[in-house]
Structure formats: structure tokens, C-alpha cells
PDB file of N, CA and C in Angstrom:
ATOM      1  N   UNK A   1     -28.915  29.891  16.812  1.00  0.00           N
ATOM      2  CA  UNK A   1     -27.959  29.916  18.266  1.00  0.00           C
ATOM      3  C   UNK A   1     -26.527  29.946  17.483  1.00  0.00           C
ATOM      4  N   UNK A   2     -25.311  30.413  16.947  1.00  0.00           N
ATOM      5  CA  UNK A   2     -23.860  30.132  16.882  1.00  0.00           C
ATOM      6  C   UNK A   2     -23.517  29.322  17.584  1.00  0.00           C
ATOM      7  N   UNK A   3     -22.759  27.592  16.816  1.00  0.00           N
ATOM      8  CA  UNK A   3     -22.107  27.465  17.867  1.00  0.00           C
ATOM      9  C   UNK A   3     -20.841  28.155  18.206  1.00  0.00           C
ATOM     10  N   UNK A   4     -19.748  27.512  19.296  1.00  0.00           N
ATOM     11  CA  UNK A   4     -18.777  27.839  20.480  1.00  0.00           C
ATOM     12  C   UNK A   4     -17.374  28.349  19.554  1.00  0.00           C
ATOM     13  N   UNK A   5     -18.096  27.253  18.623  1.00  0.00           N
ATOM     14  CA  UNK A   5     -16.250  27.617  17.445  1.00  0.00           C
ATOM     15  C   UNK A   5     -16.432  28.849  16.507  1.00  0.00           C
ATOM     16  N   UNK A   6     -17.939  29.134  15.918  1.00  0.00           N
ATOM     17  CA  UNK A   6     -18.475  30.262  15.262  1.00  0.00           C
ATOM     18  C   UNK A   6     -17.712  31.739  15.962  1.00  0.00           C
ATOM     19  N   UNK A   7     -18.464  31.549  17.650  1.00  0.00           N
ATOM     20  CA  UNK A   7     -18.421  33.336  18.024  1.00  0.00           C
ATOM     21  C   UNK A   7     -17.101  32.730  18.379  1.00  0.00           C
ATOM     22  N   UNK A   8     -15.764  31.834  18.216  1.00  0.00           N
ATOM     23  CA  UNK A   8     -14.528  32.116  18.718  1.00  0.00           C
ATOM     24  C   UNK A   8     -14.033  32.654  17.538  1.00  0.00           C
ATOM     25  N   UNK A   9     -13.855  31.928  16.372  1.00  0.00           N
ATOM     26  CA  UNK A   9     -13.992  32.407  15.159  1.00  0.00           C
ATOM     27  C   UNK A   9     -14.062  34.011  14.490  1.00  0.00           C
ATOM     28  N   UNK A  10     -15.654  34.273  15.285  1.00  0.00           N
ATOM     29  CA  UNK A  10     -16.166  35.617  14.229  1.00  0.00           C
ATOM     30  C   UNK A  10     -15.292  36.692  15.438  1.00  0.00           C
ATOM     31  N   UNK A  11     -15.026  35.997  16.939  1.00  0.00           N
ATOM     32  CA  UNK A  11     -13.756  37.086  17.464  1.00  0.00           C
ATOM     33  C   UNK A  11     -13.073  37.182  17.602  1.00  0.00           C
ATOM     34  N   UNK A  12     -11.645  36.383  16.716  1.00  0.00           N
ATOM     35  CA  UNK A  12     -10.684  36.201  16.307  1.00  0.00           C
ATOM     36  C   UNK A  12     -10.792  36.786  15.240  1.00  0.00           C
ATOM     37  N   UNK A  13     -11.225  36.940  14.447  1.00  0.00           N
ATOM     38  CA  UNK A  13     -11.533  37.450  13.401  1.00  0.00           C
ATOM     39  C   UNK A  13     -11.844  39.303  13.748  1.00  0.00           C
ATOM     40  N   UNK A  14     -12.718  39.712  14.537  1.00  0.00           N
ATOM     41  CA  UNK A  14     -13.023  40.711  14.225  1.00  0.00           C
ATOM     42  C   UNK A  14     -11.761  41.360  15.242  1.00  0.00           C
ATOM     43  N   UNK A  15     -10.722  40.782  15.938  1.00  0.00           N
ATOM     44  CA  UNK A  15      -9.778  41.053  16.467  1.00  0.00           C
ATOM     45  C   UNK A  15      -8.515  41.484  15.515  1.00  0.00           C
ATOM     46  N   UNK A  16      -8.359  40.553  14.820  1.00  0.00           N
ATOM     47  CA  UNK A  16      -7.343  40.994  13.748  1.00  0.00           C
ATOM     48  C   UNK A  16      -7.697  42.027  12.929  1.00  0.00           C
ATOM     49  N   UNK A  17      -9.042  42.057  12.340  1.00  0.00           N
ATOM     50  CA  UNK A  17      -9.686  43.831  11.517  1.00  0.00           C
ATOM     51  C   UNK A  17      -9.660  44.712  12.554  1.00  0.00           C
ATOM     52  N   UNK A  18      -9.366  44.560  13.895  1.00  0.00           N
ATOM     53  CA  UNK A  18      -9.560  45.458  14.792  1.00  0.00           C
ATOM     54  C   UNK A  18      -7.954  45.927  14.799  1.00  0.00           C
ATOM     55  N   UNK A  19      -7.117  45.272  14.786  1.00  0.00           N
ATOM     56  CA  UNK A  19      -5.612  44.906  15.286  1.00  0.00           C
ATOM     57  C   UNK A  19      -4.919  46.177  13.912  1.00  0.00           C
ATOM     58  N   UNK A  20      -5.678  45.656  12.772  1.00  0.00           N
ATOM     59  CA  UNK A  20      -5.102  46.100  11.164  1.00  0.00           C
ATOM     60  C   UNK A  20      -5.802  48.013  10.826  1.00  0.00           C
ATOM     61  N   UNK A  21      -6.735  48.487  11.977  1.00  0.00           N
ATOM     62  CA  UNK A  21      -7.685  49.221  11.525  1.00  0.00           C
ATOM     63  C   UNK A  21      -6.602  49.951  13.133  1.00  0.00           C
ATOM     64  N   UNK A  22      -6.102  49.336  13.858  1.00  0.00           N
ATOM     65  CA  UNK A  22      -5.622  50.444  15.403  1.00  0.00           C
ATOM     66  C   UNK A  22      -4.531  50.765  14.679  1.00  0.00           C
ATOM     67  N   UNK A  23      -3.983  50.004  14.258  1.00  0.00           N
ATOM     68  CA  UNK A  23      -2.214  49.832  13.560  1.00  0.00           C
ATOM     69  C   UNK A  23      -1.839  51.276  12.842  1.00  0.00           C
ATOM     70  N   UNK A  24      -3.040  51.040  11.442  1.00  0.00           N
ATOM     71  CA  UNK A  24      -2.933  52.372  10.302  1.00  0.00           C
ATOM     72  C   UNK A  24      -2.890  53.394  11.197  1.00  0.00           C
ATOM     73  N   UNK A  25      -3.693  53.993  12.337  1.00  0.00           N
ATOM     74  CA  UNK A  25      -3.572  54.879  12.739  1.00  0.00           C
ATOM     75  C   UNK A  25      -3.010  55.604  13.412  1.00  0.00           C
ATOM     76  N   UNK A  26      -2.887  54.373  14.289  1.00  0.00           N
ATOM     77  CA  UNK A  26      -1.011  54.397  15.195  1.00  0.00           C
ATOM     78  C   UNK A  26       0.610  54.801  15.014  1.00  0.00           C
ATOM     79  N   UNK A  27       0.659  53.923  13.736  1.00  0.00           N
ATOM     80  CA  UNK A  27       1.787  54.201  12.957  1.00  0.00           C
ATOM     81  C   UNK A  27       1.663  55.914  12.661  1.00  0.00           C
ATOM     82  N   UNK A  28       0.742  56.925  13.328  1.00  0.00           N
ATOM     83  CA  UNK A  28       1.329  58.012  12.658  1.00  0.00           C
ATOM     84  C   UNK A  28       2.022  59.082  13.018  1.00  0.00           C
ATOM     85  N   UNK A  29       1.962  58.556  15.047  1.00  0.00           N
ATOM     86  CA  UNK A  29       2.416  59.004  15.258  1.00  0.00           C
ATOM     87  C   UNK A  29       4.173  59.235  15.401  1.00  0.00           C
ATOM     88  N   UNK A  30       4.931  57.719  15.468  1.00  0.00           N
ATOM     89  CA  UNK A  30       6.017  57.684  16.019  1.00  0.00           C
ATOM     90  C   UNK A  30       6.343  58.448  14.010  1.00  0.00           C
ATOM     91  N   UNK A  31       5.496  58.065  12.719  1.00  0.00           N
ATOM     92  CA  UNK A  31       5.720  59.097  12.168  1.00  0.00           C
ATOM     93  C   UNK A  31       6.260  60.397  12.177  1.00  0.00           C
ATOM     94  N   UNK A  32       5.343  61.047  12.549  1.00  0.00           N
ATOM     95  CA  UNK A  32       5.760  62.748  12.605  1.00  0.00           C
ATOM     96  C   UNK A  32       6.067  63.262  13.915  1.00  0.00           C
ATOM     97  N   UNK A  33       6.311  61.618  14.672  1.00  0.00           N
ATOM     98  CA  UNK A  33       8.217  62.250  16.132  1.00  0.00           C
ATOM     99  C   UNK A  33       8.495  62.142  15.162  1.00  0.00           C
ATOM    100  N   UNK A  34       8.885  61.074  14.500  1.00  0.00           N
ATOM    101  CA  UNK A  34      10.240  61.478  14.117  1.00  0.00           C
ATOM    102  C   UNK A  34      10.264  62.501  12.655  1.00  0.00           C
ATOM    103  N   UNK A  35       9.315  63.070  12.094  1.00  0.00           N
ATOM    104  CA  UNK A  35       9.373  64.296  10.622  1.00  0.00           C
ATOM    105  C   UNK A  35       9.698  65.150  12.095  1.00  0.00           C
ATOM    106  N   UNK A  36       8.572  66.048  13.066  1.00  0.00           N
ATOM    107  CA  UNK A  36       8.522  66.828  13.644  1.00  0.00           C
ATOM    108  C   UNK A  36       9.220  66.783  15.160  1.00  0.00           C
ATOM    109  N   UNK A  37       8.725  65.733  15.617  1.00  0.00           N
ATOM    110  CA  UNK A  37       9.498  65.620  16.570  1.00  0.00           C
ATOM    111  C   UNK A  37       8.854  66.695  18.028  1.00  0.00           C
ATOM    112  N   UNK A  38       9.159  67.768  19.266  1.00  0.00           N
ATOM    113  CA  UNK A  38       8.307  68.030  19.424  1.00  0.00           C
ATOM    114  C   UNK A  38       7.333  68.554  19.379  1.00  0.00           C
ATOM    115  N   UNK A  39       7.264  69.553  18.407  1.00  0.00           N
ATOM    116  CA  UNK A  39       6.470  70.421  17.918  1.00  0.00           C
ATOM    117  C   UNK A  39       4.362  69.283  17.381  1.00  0.00           C
ATOM    118  N   UNK A  40       4.761  68.202  18.226  1.00  0.00           N
ATOM    119  CA  UNK A  40       3.988  67.254  17.576  1.00  0.00           C
ATOM    120  C   UNK A  40       2.963  67.804  18.298  1.00  0.00           C
ATOM    121  N   UNK A  41       3.160  67.650  19.818  1.00  0.00           N
ATOM    122  CA  UNK A  41       2.324  68.024  20.559  1.00  0.00           C
ATOM    123  C   UNK A  41       2.050  69.898  20.979  1.00  0.00           C
ATOM    124  N   UNK A  42       3.334  70.412  21.034  1.00  0.00           N
ATOM    125  CA  UNK A  42       3.598  71.979  20.610  1.00  0.00           C
ATOM    126  C   UNK A  42       2.373  72.073  20.214  1.00  0.00           C
ATOM    127  N   UNK A  43       2.504  72.436  18.624  1.00  0.00           N
ATOM    128  CA  UNK A  43       1.583  72.859  17.461  1.00  0.00           C
ATOM    129  C   UNK A  43       0.234  71.737  17.669  1.00  0.00           C
ATOM    130  N   UNK A  44       0.576  70.759  17.860  1.00  0.00           N
ATOM    131  CA  UNK A  44      -0.804  69.784  17.058  1.00  0.00           C
ATOM    132  C   UNK A  44      -1.322  69.361  16.187  1.00  0.00           C
ATOM    133  N   UNK A  45       0.053  69.324  15.960  1.00  0.00           N
ATOM    134  CA  UNK A  45       0.016  68.046  14.265  1.00  0.00           C
ATOM    135  C   UNK A  45       0.046  67.192  14.134  1.00  0.00           C
ATOM    136  N   UNK A  46      -1.038  66.604  12.903  1.00  0.00           N
ATOM    137  CA  UNK A  46      -1.393  65.459  12.587  1.00  0.00           C
ATOM    138  C   UNK A  46      -2.044  65.465  11.293  1.00  0.00           C
ATOM    139  N   UNK A  47      -1.901  63.743  11.144  1.00  0.00           N
ATOM    140  CA  UNK A  47      -2.518  63.736   9.410  1.00  0.00           C
ATOM    141  C   UNK A  47      -3.313  63.793   8.848  1.00  0.00           C
ATOM    142  N   UNK A  48      -3.938  64.585   8.309  1.00  0.00           N
ATOM    143  CA  UNK A  48      -5.574  64.955   7.837  1.00  0.00           C
ATOM    144  C   UNK A  48      -6.151  64.196   7.297  1.00  0.00           C
ATOM    145  N   UNK A  49      -4.766  64.184   5.378  1.00  0.00           N
ATOM    146  CA  UNK A  49      -5.583  63.106   4.639  1.00  0.00           C
ATOM    147  C   UNK A  49      -4.433  62.048   4.438  1.00  0.00           C
ATOM    148  N   UNK A  50      -4.739  60.796   4.258  1.00  0.00           N
ATOM    149  CA  UNK A  50      -3.577  59.324   4.079  1.00  0.00           C
ATOM    150  C   UNK A  50      -4.607  59.185   2.790  1.00  0.00           C
ATOM    151  N   UNK A  51      -4.192  59.457   1.589  1.00  0.00           N
ATOM    152  CA  UNK A  51      -4.885  58.971   0.166  1.00  0.00           C
ATOM    153  C   UNK A  51      -3.846  58.364  -0.450  1.00  0.00           C
ATOM    154  N   UNK A  52      -4.135  56.743  -0.621  1.00  0.00           N
ATOM    155  CA  UNK A  52      -3.283  56.265  -1.241  1.00  0.00           C
ATOM    156  C   UNK A  52      -2.434  56.587  -2.272  1.00  0.00           C
ATOM    157  N   UNK A  53      -1.385  56.189  -2.555  1.00  0.00           N
ATOM    158  CA  UNK A  53      -0.678  56.590  -3.820  1.00  0.00           C
ATOM    159  C   UNK A  53      -0.150  57.565  -4.017  1.00  0.00           C
ATOM    160  N   UNK A  54      -0.692  58.966  -3.501  1.00  0.00           N
ATOM    161  CA  UNK A  54      -0.162  60.674  -2.873  1.00  0.00           C
ATOM    162  C   UNK A  54       0.303  60.561  -1.685  1.00  0.00           C
ATOM    163  N   UNK A  55       0.848  61.725  -1.654  1.00  0.00           N
ATOM    164  CA  UNK A  55       1.647  62.234  -0.270  1.00  0.00           C
ATOM    165  C   UNK A  55       0.191  62.289   0.196  1.00  0.00           C
ATOM    166  N   UNK A  56       0.812  62.841   2.113  1.00  0.00           N
ATOM    167  CA  UNK A  56      -0.028  62.842   3.367  1.00  0.00           C
ATOM    168  C   UNK A  56       0.108  63.968   3.245  1.00  0.00           C
ATOM    169  N   UNK A  57      -1.447  64.351   3.852  1.00  0.00           N
ATOM    170  CA  UNK A  57      -1.325  66.153   4.054  1.00  0.00           C
ATOM    171  C   UNK A  57      -1.317  66.240   5.442  1.00  0.00           C
ATOM    172  N   UNK A  58      -0.105  66.835   5.976  1.00  0.00           N
ATOM    173  CA  UNK A  58      -0.336  67.516   7.827  1.00  0.00           C
ATOM    174  C   UNK A  58      -1.429  68.492   7.737  1.00  0.00           C
ATOM    175  N   UNK A  59      -1.419  68.458   8.716  1.00  0.00           N
ATOM    176  CA  UNK A  59      -2.509  69.450   9.490  1.00  0.00           C
ATOM    177  C   UNK A  59      -1.247  70.509   8.839  1.00  0.00           C
ATOM    178  N   UNK A  60      -0.224  70.741   8.953  1.00  0.00           N
ATOM    179  CA  UNK A  60       0.103  72.226   9.023  1.00  0.00           C
ATOM    180  C   UNK A  60      -0.125  72.718   7.718  1.00  0.00           C
ATOM    181  N   UNK A  61      -0.016  72.120   6.790  1.00  0.00           N
ATOM    182  CA  UNK A  61      -0.134  72.035   5.205  1.00  0.00           C
ATOM    183  C   UNK A  61       1.548  71.706   4.611  1.00  0.00           C
ATOM    184  N   UNK A  62       2.491  70.970   5.202  1.00  0.00           N
ATOM    185  CA  UNK A  62       2.961  69.876   4.503  1.00  0.00           C
ATOM    186  C   UNK A  62       2.652  69.110   3.979  1.00  0.00           C
ATOM    187  N   UNK A  63       3.666  68.378   3.096  1.00  0.00           N
ATOM    188  CA  UNK A  63       3.022  66.794   2.291  1.00  0.00           C
ATOM    189  C   UNK A  63       4.179  66.430   3.022  1.00  0.00           C
ATOM    190  N   UNK A  64       3.956  65.133   2.634  1.00  0.00           N
ATOM    191  CA  UNK A  64       4.985  64.247   3.529  1.00  0.00           C
ATOM    192  C   UNK A  64       4.825  62.896   2.271  1.00  0.00           C
ATOM    193  N   UNK A  65       6.028  62.729   1.658  1.00  0.00           N
ATOM    194  CA  UNK A  65       6.056  62.527  -0.479  1.00  0.00           C
ATOM    195  C   UNK A  65       6.611  61.043   0.732  1.00  0.00           C
ATOM    196  N   UNK A  66       7.708  60.750   1.301  1.00  0.00           N
ATOM    197  CA  UNK A  66       7.911  59.607   1.309  1.00  0.00           C
ATOM    198  C   UNK A  66       7.667  58.817   3.261  1.00  0.00           C
ATOM    199  N   UNK A  67       6.902  58.023   2.521  1.00  0.00           N
ATOM    200  CA  UNK A  67       5.803  56.695   3.570  1.00  0.00           C
ATOM    201  C   UNK A  67       6.830  55.057   3.917  1.00  0.00           C
ATOM    202  N   UNK A  68       8.107  55.102   3.408  1.00  0.00           N
ATOM    203  CA  UNK A  68       8.161  53.822   4.005  1.00  0.00           C
ATOM    204  C   UNK A  68       8.734  54.322   5.380  1.00  0.00           C
ATOM    205  N   UNK A  69       8.973  55.405   5.738  1.00  0.00           N
ATOM    206  CA  UNK A  69       8.953  54.798   7.544  1.00  0.00           C
ATOM    207  C   UNK A  69       7.627  54.688   7.927  1.00  0.00           C
ATOM    208  N   UNK A  70       6.462  55.414   7.252  1.00  0.00           N
ATOM    209  CA  UNK A  70       5.415  54.893   7.634  1.00  0.00           C
ATOM    210  C   UNK A  70       4.545  53.476   8.115  1.00  0.00           C
ATOM    211  N   UNK A  71       5.053  52.541   6.034  1.00  0.00           N
ATOM    212  CA  UNK A  71       4.505  51.469   6.216  1.00  0.00           C
ATOM    213  C   UNK A  71       5.359  50.973   7.096  1.00  0.00           C
ATOM    214  N   UNK A  72       7.085  50.754   7.346  1.00  0.00           N
ATOM    215  CA  UNK A  72       7.546  49.545   8.424  1.00  0.00           C
ATOM    216  C   UNK A  72       6.928  49.360   9.569  1.00  0.00           C
ATOM    217  N   UNK A  73       6.588  51.198  10.350  1.00  0.00           N
ATOM    218  CA  UNK A  73       6.173  51.315  11.527  1.00  0.00           C
ATOM    219  C   UNK A  73       4.978  50.903  11.240  1.00  0.00           C
ATOM    220  N   UNK A  74       3.880  50.774  10.675  1.00  0.00           N
ATOM    221  CA  UNK A  74       2.972  50.008  10.750  1.00  0.00           C
ATOM    222  C   UNK A  74       2.638  48.875  10.216  1.00  0.00           C
ATOM    223  N   UNK A  75       3.329  48.042   9.835  1.00  0.00           N
ATOM    224  CA  UNK A  75       3.853  46.623  10.170  1.00  0.00           C
ATOM    225  C   UNK A  75       4.456  46.097  10.964  1.00  0.00           C
ATOM    226  N   UNK A  76       5.462  47.009  11.791  1.00  0.00           N
ATOM    227  CA  UNK A  76       5.852  46.613  13.635  1.00  0.00           C
ATOM    228  C   UNK A  76       4.833  46.813  14.562  1.00  0.00           C
ATOM    229  N   UNK A  77       4.117  47.975  14.497  1.00  0.00           N
ATOM    230  CA  UNK A  77       2.894  48.236  15.404  1.00  0.00           C
ATOM    231  C   UNK A  77       1.753  47.030  15.302  1.00  0.00           C
ATOM    232  N   UNK A  78       1.848  47.154  13.687  1.00  0.00           N
ATOM    233  CA  UNK A  78       0.045  45.682  13.635  1.00  0.00           C
ATOM    234  C   UNK A  78       0.570  44.326  13.841  1.00  0.00           C
ATOM    235  N   UNK A  79       2.072  43.305  13.977  1.00  0.00           N
ATOM    236  CA  UNK A  79       2.410  43.107  14.575  1.00  0.00           C
ATOM    237  C   UNK A  79       2.486  42.877  15.846  1.00  0.00           C
ATOM    238  N   UNK A  80       3.052  44.038  16.339  1.00  0.00           N
ATOM    239  CA  UNK A  80       2.877  43.348  17.758  1.00  0.00           C
ATOM    240  C   UNK A  80       1.650  43.503  18.475  1.00  0.00           C
ATOM    241  N   UNK A  81       0.776  44.304  17.901  1.00  0.00           N
ATOM    242  CA  UNK A  81      -0.740  44.808  18.735  1.00  0.00           C
ATOM    243  C   UNK A  81      -1.737  42.919  17.715  1.00  0.00           C
ATOM    244  N   UNK A  82      -1.129  41.954  16.899  1.00  0.00           N
ATOM    245  CA  UNK A  82      -1.500  41.331  16.337  1.00  0.00           C
ATOM    246  C   UNK A  82      -1.115  40.150  17.507  1.00  0.00           C
ATOM    247  N   UNK A  83      -0.119  40.397  17.749  1.00  0.00           N
ATOM    248  CA  UNK A  83       0.610  39.389  18.696  1.00  0.00           C
ATOM    249  C   UNK A  83      -0.353  39.445  20.723  1.00  0.00           C
ATOM    250  N   UNK A  84      -0.302  40.685  20.636  1.00  0.00           N
ATOM    251  CA  UNK A  84      -1.123  40.895  22.102  1.00  0.00           C
ATOM    252  C   UNK A  84      -2.208  40.173  21.334  1.00  0.00           C
ATOM    253  N   UNK A  85      -2.979  40.884  20.525  1.00  0.00           N
ATOM    254  CA  UNK A  85      -4.378  40.081  20.399  1.00  0.00           C
ATOM    255  C   UNK A  85      -4.373  38.696  20.861  1.00  0.00           C
ATOM    256  N   UNK A  86      -3.666  37.807  19.776  1.00  0.00           N
ATOM    257  CA  UNK A  86      -4.157  36.531  19.592  1.00  0.00           C
ATOM    258  C   UNK A  86      -3.749  35.639  21.448  1.00  0.00           C
ATOM    259  N   UNK A  87      -2.517  36.477  22.358  1.00  0.00           N
ATOM    260  CA  UNK A  87      -2.243  35.938  23.160  1.00  0.00           C
ATOM    261  C   UNK A  87      -3.254  36.218  24.566  1.00  0.00           C
ATOM    262  N   UNK A  88      -4.120  37.663  24.384  1.00  0.00           N
ATOM    263  CA  UNK A  88      -4.783  37.429  25.109  1.00  0.00           C
ATOM    264  C   UNK A  88      -6.043  37.039  24.587  1.00  0.00           C
ATOM    265  N   UNK A  89      -6.578  36.744  23.378  1.00  0.00           N
ATOM    266  CA  UNK A  89      -7.292  35.734  23.597  1.00  0.00           C
ATOM    267  C   UNK A  89      -7.434  34.148  23.287  1.00  0.00           C
ATOM    268  N   UNK A  90      -5.702  33.830  23.318  1.00  0.00           N
ATOM    269  CA  UNK A  90      -6.027  32.888  23.829  1.00  0.00           C
ATOM    270  C   UNK A  90      -6.017  32.446  25.344  1.00  0.00           C
ATOM    271  N   UNK A  91      -5.442  33.606  26.137  1.00  0.00           N
ATOM    272  CA  UNK A  91      -5.709  33.308  27.425  1.00  0.00           C
ATOM    273  C   UNK A  91      -6.863  33.605  28.322  1.00  0.00           C
ATOM    274  N   UNK A  92      -8.121  34.191  27.400  1.00  0.00           N
ATOM    275  CA  UNK A  92      -9.733  34.405  26.993  1.00  0.00           C
ATOM    276  C   UNK A  92      -9.780  32.859  27.587  1.00  0.00           C
ATOM    277  N   UNK A  93      -9.658  32.307  26.359  1.00  0.00           N
ATOM    278  CA  UNK A  93     -10.124  30.939  26.035  1.00  0.00           C
ATOM    279  C   UNK A  93      -9.610  29.987  26.894  1.00  0.00           C
ATOM    280  N   UNK A  94      -8.820  29.953  27.652  1.00  0.00           N
ATOM    281  CA  UNK A  94      -7.768  29.387  28.428  1.00  0.00           C
ATOM    282  C   UNK A  94      -8.898  29.651  29.254  1.00  0.00           C
ATOM    283  N   UNK A  95      -9.273  30.937  30.110  1.00  0.00           N
ATOM    284  CA  UNK A  95      -9.501  31.309  31.176  1.00  0.00           C
ATOM    285  C   UNK A  95     -11.099  30.445  31.925  1.00  0.00           C
ATOM    286  N   UNK A  96     -11.974  31.038  29.854  1.00  0.00           N
ATOM    287  CA  UNK A  96     -12.801  30.479  29.938  1.00  0.00           C
ATOM    288  C   UNK A  96     -12.793  29.364  29.994  1.00  0.00           C
ATOM    289  N   UNK A  97     -12.304  28.399  29.814  1.00  0.00           N
ATOM    290  CA  UNK A  97     -12.385  26.774  29.649  1.00  0.00           C
ATOM    291  C   UNK A  97     -12.036  25.970  31.267  1.00  0.00           C
ATOM    292  N   UNK A  98     -11.496  26.666  31.596  1.00  0.00           N
ATOM    293  CA  UNK A  98     -11.015  26.082  33.165  1.00  0.00           C
ATOM    294  C   UNK A  98     -12.231  26.656  33.941  1.00  0.00           C
ATOM    295  N   UNK A  99     -12.701  27.882  33.388  1.00  0.00           N
ATOM    296  CA  UNK A  99     -13.841  27.967  34.647  1.00  0.00           C
ATOM    297  C   UNK A  99     -14.941  26.970  34.088  1.00  0.00           C
ATOM    298  N   UNK A 100     -15.295  26.783  32.764  1.00  0.00           N
ATOM    299  CA  UNK A 100     -16.765  25.615  32.970  1.00  0.00           C
ATOM    300  C   UNK A 100     -16.183  24.868  33.746  1.00  0.00           C
ATOM    301  N   UNK A 101     -14.840  24.348  33.458  1.00  0.00           N
ATOM    302  CA  UNK A 101     -14.618  22.517  33.821  1.00  0.00           C
ATOM    303  C   UNK A 101     -14.646  23.063  35.441  1.00  0.00           C
ATOM    304  N   UNK A 102     -14.241  24.093  36.008  1.00  0.00           N
ATOM    305  CA  UNK A 102     -14.839  24.355  37.546  1.00  0.00           C
ATOM    306  C   UNK A 102     -16.018  24.637  37.788  1.00  0.00           C
ATOM    307  N   UNK A 103     -17.673  24.990  36.855  1.00  0.00           N
ATOM    308  CA  UNK A 103     -18.647  24.907  37.633  1.00  0.00           C
ATOM    309  C   UNK A 103     -18.876  23.558  37.074  1.00  0.00           C
ATOM    310  N   UNK A 104     -18.480  23.076  36.170  1.00  0.00           N
ATOM    311  CA  UNK A 104     -18.917  21.319  36.413  1.00  0.00           C
ATOM    312  C   UNK A 104     -18.389  20.410  37.348  1.00  0.00           C
ATOM    313  N   UNK A 105     -17.745  21.045  37.941  1.00  0.00           N
ATOM    314  CA  UNK A 105     -17.099  19.956  39.070  1.00  0.00           C
ATOM    315  C   UNK A 105     -17.972  20.065  40.165  1.00  0.00           C
ATOM    316  N   UNK A 106     -18.764  21.152  40.266  1.00  0.00           N
ATOM    317  CA  UNK A 106     -19.371  21.398  41.419  1.00  0.00           C
ATOM    318  C   UNK A 106     -20.988  21.461  41.681  1.00  0.00           C
TER     319      UNK A 106
END
């Protein structure tokens, strides 16, 4: 059986990994809104391919050659998501410890 520290460490690293994956896909929509505006929802536009080092392919056939905006949005969303994840994970651990202390008193 893994120790509590191992479980907490695995949980924390899985939160970090999921944060970066979520930020990668969540950053698409602000970029598309920046480039296309309301057409994103009206026409159902999405980024269909995001190859490294090559232009991104949009569902309407356009190519996004400048990924500079997407990079900074990815960083901003990723750091925000990681901050929220750390805060909620820290709160969860504090509540768990408080519940365990309360259970020991009774």
C-alpha cells in the first residue's frame, strides 16, 4: 500500500499534467475569437490540427501561421489553471487533515 506522501505526490503531479493538457486545448478558443470573432460559434470554427513547427489548420481551411498569441494565451491559461489546481489541492489536503484530527478526538 502506498504511503500518504506518495499518494499526495502522485495526485499533485497528475493535477499539473492535466493542467497543461487542459490549457493547451482551452487556449484555442481565445485565439480563434481574437482572429474570427463571433464566427467561431456561428460557423462552428475550431482548430483541426496543431502540428509543431507548422501552421495550424482551422476547420474552414484557413491556416494560422502566427502562433505567438496562442503561446502567450497558453502560458496565461496554464499558469492560472495551475494556480487554481494548487490552491484547491492545498485546501483539500488541509480539510482532509482537519477531518482526520476531528475523527481522532471522537
